[in-house]
Amino acid sequence: MPFIGFRIDQAKGLFFDRQKVQSAVNRAERRVLSKFGSFVRQDSKQRIRRRKRSSSPGESPTNRTGLLKRHIYFVFSPETRSVVIGPVLLNRSTGAPETLEHGGETTIETMRRQSIRVEIEARPFMGPAFQQELPKLPALWRDSVT
């Protein structure tokens, strides 16, 4: 569009206000990623079931005490402009959530207070929840910047 016939103050009013656009994008980014984090969190919590038997390898974990399921959170990180979703570390850093998700070696304590090293096969719950919700992300972005 040519500027012929516009006064300078009219022409300036047609340019984008950089700060206003950036603020709108930042608000939308926080809103969309927080919503996505909420969806992944909810999906991962639904995958963890209470049952009497232990879960099989490849199946989402059994949650006997309720701690794992109750302590899955999400947070928007402004520094990295991303959302972090997952279980938080509790009192003891046993690495249990990570070992459940990816598998690996861990130490367990027996009834006689003996420590035994065991190999745990993966029982993923966060990765499948993320993959399940990922196709919904473009729709969340649609018309999000206003």
N, C-alpha and C. Protein backbone atom coordinates (compact mmCIF):
# COMPACT_ATOMS: atom_id res chain seq x y z
N MET A 1 0.84 -1.17 0.00
CA MET A 1 0.00 0.00 0.00
C MET A 1 0.89 1.24 0.00
N PRO A 2 0.79 2.11 -1.02
CA PRO A 2 1.63 3.31 -1.07
C PRO A 2 1.17 4.33 -0.04
N PHE A 3 2.12 5.15 0.41
CA PHE A 3 1.83 6.16 1.41
C PHE A 3 1.49 7.52 0.79
N ILE A 4 1.27 7.55 -0.49
CA ILE A 4 0.93 8.81 -1.16
C ILE A 4 -0.42 9.30 -0.64
N GLY A 5 -0.46 10.50 -0.22
CA GLY A 5 -1.70 11.08 0.26
C GLY A 5 -1.88 10.97 1.77
N PHE A 6 -0.95 10.30 2.47
CA PHE A 6 -1.03 10.21 3.93
C PHE A 6 -0.15 11.27 4.57
N ARG A 7 -0.63 11.83 5.65
CA ARG A 7 0.23 12.71 6.44
C ARG A 7 1.12 11.82 7.30
N ILE A 8 2.19 12.36 7.82
CA ILE A 8 3.17 11.58 8.60
C ILE A 8 2.55 10.96 9.83
N ASP A 9 1.67 11.68 10.54
CA ASP A 9 1.05 11.12 11.75
C ASP A 9 0.09 9.99 11.38
N GLN A 10 -0.55 10.05 10.21
CA GLN A 10 -1.42 8.95 9.76
C GLN A 10 -0.58 7.74 9.40
N ALA A 11 0.54 7.96 8.73
CA ALA A 11 1.42 6.86 8.31
C ALA A 11 2.01 6.15 9.53
N LYS A 12 2.42 6.90 10.54
CA LYS A 12 2.98 6.30 11.75
C LYS A 12 1.96 5.42 12.46
N GLY A 13 0.70 5.78 12.40
CA GLY A 13 -0.35 4.99 13.04
C GLY A 13 -0.59 3.65 12.38
N LEU A 14 -0.08 3.45 11.16
CA LEU A 14 -0.26 2.18 10.44
C LEU A 14 0.84 1.16 10.74
N PHE A 15 1.95 1.60 11.34
CA PHE A 15 3.03 0.69 11.66
C PHE A 15 2.69 -0.14 12.90
N PHE A 16 3.30 -1.32 12.97
CA PHE A 16 3.10 -2.17 14.13
C PHE A 16 3.78 -1.56 15.35
N ASP A 17 3.12 -1.64 16.47
CA ASP A 17 3.71 -1.24 17.74
C ASP A 17 4.45 -2.45 18.26
N ARG A 18 5.77 -2.44 18.13
CA ARG A 18 6.58 -3.61 18.45
C ARG A 18 6.34 -4.13 19.86
N GLN A 19 6.31 -3.23 20.84
CA GLN A 19 6.12 -3.64 22.23
C GLN A 19 4.75 -4.26 22.43
N LYS A 20 3.74 -3.69 21.80
CA LYS A 20 2.38 -4.20 21.93
C LYS A 20 2.26 -5.61 21.33
N VAL A 21 2.90 -5.81 20.18
CA VAL A 21 2.88 -7.12 19.52
C VAL A 21 3.63 -8.14 20.37
N GLN A 22 4.81 -7.76 20.87
CA GLN A 22 5.59 -8.68 21.71
C GLN A 22 4.83 -9.04 22.98
N SER A 23 4.19 -8.10 23.59
CA SER A 23 3.42 -8.38 24.80
C SER A 23 2.28 -9.35 24.52
N ALA A 24 1.60 -9.15 23.40
CA ALA A 24 0.50 -10.04 23.03
C ALA A 24 1.00 -11.45 22.77
N VAL A 25 2.15 -11.57 22.10
CA VAL A 25 2.73 -12.89 21.83
C VAL A 25 3.16 -13.55 23.13
N ASN A 26 3.79 -12.80 24.03
CA ASN A 26 4.23 -13.36 25.31
C ASN A 26 3.05 -13.85 26.15
N ARG A 27 1.98 -13.08 26.18
CA ARG A 27 0.78 -13.50 26.92
C ARG A 27 0.20 -14.78 26.32
N ALA A 28 0.12 -14.81 25.00
CA ALA A 28 -0.43 -15.98 24.32
C ALA A 28 0.46 -17.20 24.55
N GLU A 29 1.76 -16.99 24.51
CA GLU A 29 2.71 -18.08 24.72
C GLU A 29 2.52 -18.69 26.12
N ARG A 30 2.45 -17.85 27.13
CA ARG A 30 2.22 -18.33 28.51
C ARG A 30 0.90 -19.08 28.61
N ARG A 31 -0.14 -18.51 28.02
CA ARG A 31 -1.47 -19.11 28.10
C ARG A 31 -1.52 -20.46 27.38
N VAL A 32 -0.99 -20.52 26.17
CA VAL A 32 -1.03 -21.75 25.38
C VAL A 32 -0.17 -22.84 26.02
N LEU A 33 1.05 -22.51 26.41
CA LEU A 33 1.93 -23.52 27.00
C LEU A 33 1.42 -23.98 28.36
N SER A 34 0.82 -23.08 29.12
CA SER A 34 0.24 -23.49 30.41
C SER A 34 -0.94 -24.43 30.19
N LYS A 35 -1.75 -24.14 29.20
CA LYS A 35 -2.88 -25.02 28.90
C LYS A 35 -2.39 -26.38 28.44
N PHE A 36 -1.36 -26.39 27.59
CA PHE A 36 -0.77 -27.65 27.12
C PHE A 36 -0.20 -28.43 28.30
N GLY A 37 0.51 -27.74 29.21
CA GLY A 37 1.05 -28.39 30.41
C GLY A 37 -0.04 -29.01 31.25
N SER A 38 -1.15 -28.30 31.36
CA SER A 38 -2.29 -28.82 32.13
C SER A 38 -2.85 -30.09 31.50
N PHE A 39 -2.96 -30.10 30.18
CA PHE A 39 -3.48 -31.28 29.49
C PHE A 39 -2.56 -32.49 29.67
N VAL A 40 -1.24 -32.28 29.52
CA VAL A 40 -0.27 -33.38 29.67
C VAL A 40 -0.29 -33.88 31.11
N ARG A 41 -0.33 -32.96 32.06
CA ARG A 41 -0.38 -33.34 33.48
C ARG A 41 -1.61 -34.22 33.76
N GLN A 42 -2.76 -33.78 33.29
CA GLN A 42 -4.00 -34.53 33.52
C GLN A 42 -3.93 -35.92 32.89
N ASP A 43 -3.42 -35.98 31.67
CA ASP A 43 -3.31 -37.27 30.97
C ASP A 43 -2.36 -38.20 31.71
N SER A 44 -1.21 -37.67 32.16
CA SER A 44 -0.24 -38.52 32.86
C SER A 44 -0.80 -39.03 34.19
N LYS A 45 -1.57 -38.19 34.88
CA LYS A 45 -2.18 -38.62 36.14
C LYS A 45 -3.21 -39.72 35.92
N GLN A 46 -3.95 -39.63 34.81
CA GLN A 46 -4.95 -40.65 34.52
C GLN A 46 -4.31 -41.98 34.15
N ARG A 47 -3.08 -41.95 33.65
CA ARG A 47 -2.39 -43.18 33.27
C ARG A 47 -1.93 -43.98 34.50
N ILE A 48 -1.67 -43.30 35.60
CA ILE A 48 -1.19 -43.96 36.82
C ILE A 48 -2.41 -44.47 37.57
N ARG A 49 -2.47 -45.79 37.74
CA ARG A 49 -3.66 -46.38 38.34
C ARG A 49 -3.34 -47.03 39.67
N ARG A 50 -4.33 -47.03 40.53
CA ARG A 50 -4.22 -47.77 41.79
C ARG A 50 -4.73 -49.17 41.51
N ARG A 51 -3.94 -50.15 41.83
CA ARG A 51 -4.34 -51.54 41.66
C ARG A 51 -3.53 -52.39 42.62
N LYS A 52 -3.98 -53.61 42.81
CA LYS A 52 -3.31 -54.48 43.78
C LYS A 52 -2.02 -55.08 43.23
N ARG A 53 -1.97 -55.30 41.94
CA ARG A 53 -0.79 -55.92 41.35
C ARG A 53 0.21 -54.86 40.88
N SER A 54 1.44 -55.27 40.71
CA SER A 54 2.45 -54.37 40.14
C SER A 54 2.21 -54.22 38.65
N SER A 55 2.65 -53.12 38.09
CA SER A 55 2.49 -52.93 36.65
C SER A 55 3.51 -53.77 35.90
N SER A 56 3.16 -54.11 34.69
CA SER A 56 4.07 -54.86 33.81
C SER A 56 4.98 -53.88 33.10
N PRO A 57 6.16 -54.32 32.64
CA PRO A 57 7.03 -53.43 31.87
C PRO A 57 6.30 -52.90 30.64
N GLY A 58 6.45 -51.62 30.38
CA GLY A 58 5.78 -50.99 29.26
C GLY A 58 4.41 -50.42 29.61
N GLU A 59 3.85 -50.87 30.72
CA GLU A 59 2.55 -50.41 31.19
C GLU A 59 2.81 -49.24 32.15
N SER A 60 1.88 -48.29 32.25
CA SER A 60 2.10 -47.19 33.19
C SER A 60 2.13 -47.73 34.62
N PRO A 61 2.82 -47.03 35.51
CA PRO A 61 3.07 -47.57 36.85
C PRO A 61 1.83 -47.67 37.72
N THR A 62 1.93 -48.57 38.69
CA THR A 62 0.93 -48.69 39.73
C THR A 62 1.31 -47.70 40.82
N ASN A 63 0.32 -47.04 41.39
CA ASN A 63 0.58 -46.05 42.42
C ASN A 63 -0.10 -46.49 43.71
N ARG A 64 0.63 -47.17 44.54
CA ARG A 64 0.03 -47.71 45.77
C ARG A 64 -0.19 -46.64 46.84
N THR A 65 0.74 -45.72 46.97
CA THR A 65 0.62 -44.72 48.04
C THR A 65 -0.10 -43.45 47.59
N GLY A 66 -0.15 -43.18 46.30
CA GLY A 66 -0.78 -41.97 45.80
C GLY A 66 0.17 -40.80 45.65
N LEU A 67 1.42 -40.94 46.12
CA LEU A 67 2.37 -39.83 46.08
C LEU A 67 2.74 -39.42 44.66
N LEU A 68 3.03 -40.38 43.82
CA LEU A 68 3.44 -40.05 42.45
C LEU A 68 2.34 -39.30 41.72
N LYS A 69 1.15 -39.81 41.81
CA LYS A 69 0.02 -39.21 41.11
C LYS A 69 -0.31 -37.81 41.64
N ARG A 70 -0.20 -37.62 42.94
CA ARG A 70 -0.54 -36.32 43.55
C ARG A 70 0.50 -35.24 43.30
N HIS A 71 1.72 -35.63 42.96
CA HIS A 71 2.80 -34.65 42.86
C HIS A 71 3.34 -34.48 41.45
N ILE A 72 2.46 -34.52 40.47
CA ILE A 72 2.82 -34.18 39.09
C ILE A 72 2.33 -32.76 38.86
N TYR A 73 3.24 -31.90 38.44
CA TYR A 73 2.92 -30.48 38.25
C TYR A 73 3.43 -30.00 36.90
N PHE A 74 3.03 -28.80 36.54
CA PHE A 74 3.59 -28.14 35.37
C PHE A 74 3.86 -26.69 35.74
N VAL A 75 4.86 -26.10 35.09
CA VAL A 75 5.20 -24.70 35.35
C VAL A 75 5.74 -24.10 34.05
N PHE A 76 5.34 -22.86 33.77
CA PHE A 76 5.86 -22.13 32.63
C PHE A 76 7.18 -21.51 33.04
N SER A 77 8.23 -21.74 32.27
CA SER A 77 9.55 -21.17 32.55
C SER A 77 9.79 -19.98 31.63
N PRO A 78 9.75 -18.75 32.15
CA PRO A 78 9.95 -17.58 31.29
C PRO A 78 11.37 -17.49 30.71
N GLU A 79 12.35 -18.03 31.43
CA GLU A 79 13.74 -17.97 30.94
C GLU A 79 13.90 -18.77 29.66
N THR A 80 13.33 -19.96 29.62
CA THR A 80 13.46 -20.82 28.44
C THR A 80 12.24 -20.73 27.53
N ARG A 81 11.21 -19.99 27.99
CA ARG A 81 9.96 -19.84 27.24
C ARG A 81 9.40 -21.21 26.86
N SER A 82 9.30 -22.06 27.87
CA SER A 82 8.80 -23.41 27.69
C SER A 82 8.01 -23.83 28.92
N VAL A 83 7.38 -24.98 28.83
CA VAL A 83 6.64 -25.51 29.97
C VAL A 83 7.36 -26.78 30.43
N VAL A 84 7.51 -26.91 31.74
CA VAL A 84 8.13 -28.08 32.35
C VAL A 84 7.03 -28.86 33.05
N ILE A 85 6.92 -30.15 32.70
CA ILE A 85 5.83 -30.97 33.22
C ILE A 85 6.43 -32.24 33.80
N GLY A 86 6.03 -32.60 35.02
CA GLY A 86 6.50 -33.86 35.58
C GLY A 86 6.39 -33.92 37.08
N PRO A 87 6.76 -35.07 37.64
CA PRO A 87 6.70 -35.23 39.09
C PRO A 87 7.82 -34.44 39.77
N VAL A 88 7.52 -33.90 40.93
CA VAL A 88 8.53 -33.15 41.69
C VAL A 88 9.28 -34.11 42.61
N LEU A 89 10.48 -33.68 43.02
CA LEU A 89 11.26 -34.47 43.96
C LEU A 89 10.67 -34.30 45.35
N LEU A 90 10.51 -35.39 46.05
CA LEU A 90 9.99 -35.33 47.41
C LEU A 90 11.16 -35.40 48.38
N ASN A 91 10.92 -35.78 49.61
CA ASN A 91 11.94 -35.77 50.66
C ASN A 91 13.21 -36.53 50.28
N ARG A 92 13.05 -37.75 49.82
CA ARG A 92 14.22 -38.55 49.46
C ARG A 92 14.39 -38.50 47.95
N SER A 93 15.61 -38.31 47.52
CA SER A 93 15.86 -38.30 46.07
C SER A 93 16.24 -39.71 45.62
N THR A 94 15.24 -40.56 45.49
CA THR A 94 15.47 -41.94 45.08
C THR A 94 15.58 -42.08 43.58
N GLY A 95 15.09 -41.08 42.86
CA GLY A 95 15.09 -41.17 41.41
C GLY A 95 14.00 -42.08 40.89
N ALA A 96 13.03 -42.41 41.74
CA ALA A 96 11.98 -43.36 41.35
C ALA A 96 11.18 -42.91 40.13
N PRO A 97 10.71 -41.66 40.06
CA PRO A 97 9.93 -41.27 38.87
C PRO A 97 10.73 -41.43 37.57
N GLU A 98 12.00 -41.02 37.58
CA GLU A 98 12.83 -41.14 36.39
C GLU A 98 13.08 -42.60 36.05
N THR A 99 13.31 -43.43 37.06
CA THR A 99 13.53 -44.85 36.83
C THR A 99 12.28 -45.51 36.29
N LEU A 100 11.12 -45.12 36.78
CA LEU A 100 9.87 -45.67 36.25
C LEU A 100 9.69 -45.27 34.79
N GLU A 101 9.96 -44.02 34.47
CA GLU A 101 9.75 -43.52 33.12
C GLU A 101 10.69 -44.16 32.10
N HIS A 102 11.97 -44.25 32.44
CA HIS A 102 12.98 -44.70 31.48
C HIS A 102 13.57 -46.07 31.76
N GLY A 103 13.32 -46.59 32.96
CA GLY A 103 13.95 -47.85 33.34
C GLY A 103 15.35 -47.58 33.87
N GLY A 104 15.96 -48.57 34.49
CA GLY A 104 17.31 -48.42 35.00
C GLY A 104 17.53 -49.20 36.27
N GLU A 105 18.68 -48.98 36.85
CA GLU A 105 19.07 -49.70 38.06
C GLU A 105 18.79 -48.83 39.27
N THR A 106 18.30 -49.43 40.34
CA THR A 106 18.03 -48.70 41.57
C THR A 106 18.29 -49.61 42.76
N THR A 107 18.35 -49.01 43.93
CA THR A 107 18.54 -49.75 45.18
C THR A 107 17.23 -49.78 45.94
N ILE A 108 16.84 -50.97 46.39
CA ILE A 108 15.66 -51.08 47.23
C ILE A 108 16.07 -51.64 48.58
N GLU A 109 15.29 -51.35 49.59
CA GLU A 109 15.58 -51.82 50.93
C GLU A 109 14.57 -52.90 51.29
N THR A 110 15.06 -54.05 51.78
CA THR A 110 14.19 -55.15 52.13
C THR A 110 13.62 -54.96 53.53
N MET A 111 12.74 -55.86 53.91
CA MET A 111 12.14 -55.81 55.25
C MET A 111 13.21 -55.92 56.34
N ARG A 112 14.31 -56.58 56.04
CA ARG A 112 15.41 -56.76 57.02
C ARG A 112 16.45 -55.65 56.91
N ARG A 113 16.08 -54.57 56.24
CA ARG A 113 16.94 -53.40 56.07
C ARG A 113 18.22 -53.71 55.30
N GLN A 114 18.11 -54.60 54.35
CA GLN A 114 19.24 -54.90 53.46
C GLN A 114 19.01 -54.17 52.15
N SER A 115 20.07 -53.63 51.59
CA SER A 115 19.96 -52.93 50.30
C SER A 115 20.30 -53.89 49.17
N ILE A 116 19.45 -53.88 48.16
CA ILE A 116 19.63 -54.75 47.01
C ILE A 116 19.54 -53.89 45.75
N ARG A 117 20.49 -54.10 44.81
CA ARG A 117 20.44 -53.42 43.52
C ARG A 117 19.57 -54.23 42.58
N VAL A 118 18.58 -53.57 41.97
CA VAL A 118 17.69 -54.25 41.03
C VAL A 118 17.58 -53.45 39.73
N GLU A 119 17.27 -54.15 38.66
CA GLU A 119 17.04 -53.52 37.36
C GLU A 119 15.54 -53.37 37.17
N ILE A 120 15.10 -52.16 36.90
CA ILE A 120 13.68 -51.87 36.68
C ILE A 120 13.47 -51.60 35.19
N GLU A 121 12.52 -52.29 34.58
CA GLU A 121 12.19 -52.00 33.20
C GLU A 121 11.24 -50.80 33.16
N ALA A 122 11.28 -50.06 32.06
CA ALA A 122 10.52 -48.81 31.93
C ALA A 122 9.02 -49.04 32.06
N ARG A 123 8.40 -48.12 32.78
CA ARG A 123 6.94 -48.06 32.90
C ARG A 123 6.54 -46.61 32.65
N PRO A 124 6.63 -46.20 31.37
CA PRO A 124 6.46 -44.78 31.05
C PRO A 124 5.05 -44.26 31.29
N PHE A 125 4.98 -43.03 31.75
CA PHE A 125 3.69 -42.36 31.95
C PHE A 125 3.73 -40.92 31.44
N MET A 126 4.86 -40.23 31.52
CA MET A 126 4.95 -38.86 31.05
C MET A 126 5.11 -38.79 29.53
N GLY A 127 6.00 -39.59 28.99
CA GLY A 127 6.24 -39.59 27.54
C GLY A 127 4.99 -39.91 26.73
N PRO A 128 4.28 -40.99 27.07
CA PRO A 128 3.04 -41.27 26.34
C PRO A 128 1.98 -40.18 26.49
N ALA A 129 1.90 -39.56 27.67
CA ALA A 129 0.94 -38.48 27.87
C ALA A 129 1.30 -37.28 26.98
N PHE A 130 2.60 -36.97 26.91
CA PHE A 130 3.06 -35.87 26.06
C PHE A 130 2.73 -36.15 24.60
N GLN A 131 3.04 -37.36 24.14
CA GLN A 131 2.78 -37.73 22.75
C GLN A 131 1.28 -37.71 22.43
N GLN A 132 0.47 -38.08 23.39
CA GLN A 132 -0.99 -38.09 23.20
C GLN A 132 -1.53 -36.67 23.02
N GLU A 133 -0.98 -35.72 23.75
CA GLU A 133 -1.48 -34.35 23.73
C GLU A 133 -0.81 -33.47 22.67
N LEU A 134 0.34 -33.88 22.17
CA LEU A 134 1.10 -33.07 21.22
C LEU A 134 0.32 -32.67 19.96
N PRO A 135 -0.48 -33.56 19.36
CA PRO A 135 -1.23 -33.15 18.17
C PRO A 135 -2.24 -32.02 18.44
N LYS A 136 -2.61 -31.80 19.67
CA LYS A 136 -3.58 -30.75 20.02
C LYS A 136 -2.93 -29.37 20.11
N LEU A 137 -1.59 -29.32 20.15
CA LEU A 137 -0.88 -28.05 20.35
C LEU A 137 -1.12 -27.03 19.24
N PRO A 138 -1.08 -27.40 17.96
CA PRO A 138 -1.34 -26.38 16.93
C PRO A 138 -2.72 -25.72 17.06
N ALA A 139 -3.72 -26.49 17.45
CA ALA A 139 -5.06 -25.92 17.63
C ALA A 139 -5.09 -24.92 18.79
N LEU A 140 -4.27 -25.15 19.81
CA LEU A 140 -4.20 -24.21 20.94
C LEU A 140 -3.58 -22.88 20.49
N TRP A 141 -2.62 -22.94 19.56
CA TRP A 141 -1.98 -21.73 19.07
C TRP A 141 -2.89 -20.93 18.14
N ARG A 142 -3.81 -21.63 17.46
CA ARG A 142 -4.66 -20.96 16.48
C ARG A 142 -5.44 -19.82 17.14
N ASP A 143 -5.34 -18.65 16.59
CA ASP A 143 -6.05 -17.44 17.06
C ASP A 143 -5.73 -17.08 18.51
N SER A 144 -4.54 -17.46 19.00
CA SER A 144 -4.21 -17.19 20.40
C SER A 144 -3.63 -15.78 20.62
N VAL A 145 -3.07 -15.18 19.60
CA VAL A 145 -2.50 -13.84 19.73
C VAL A 145 -3.57 -12.83 19.34
N THR A 146 -4.01 -12.06 20.33
CA THR A 146 -5.06 -11.07 20.05
C THR A 146 -4.61 -9.69 20.40
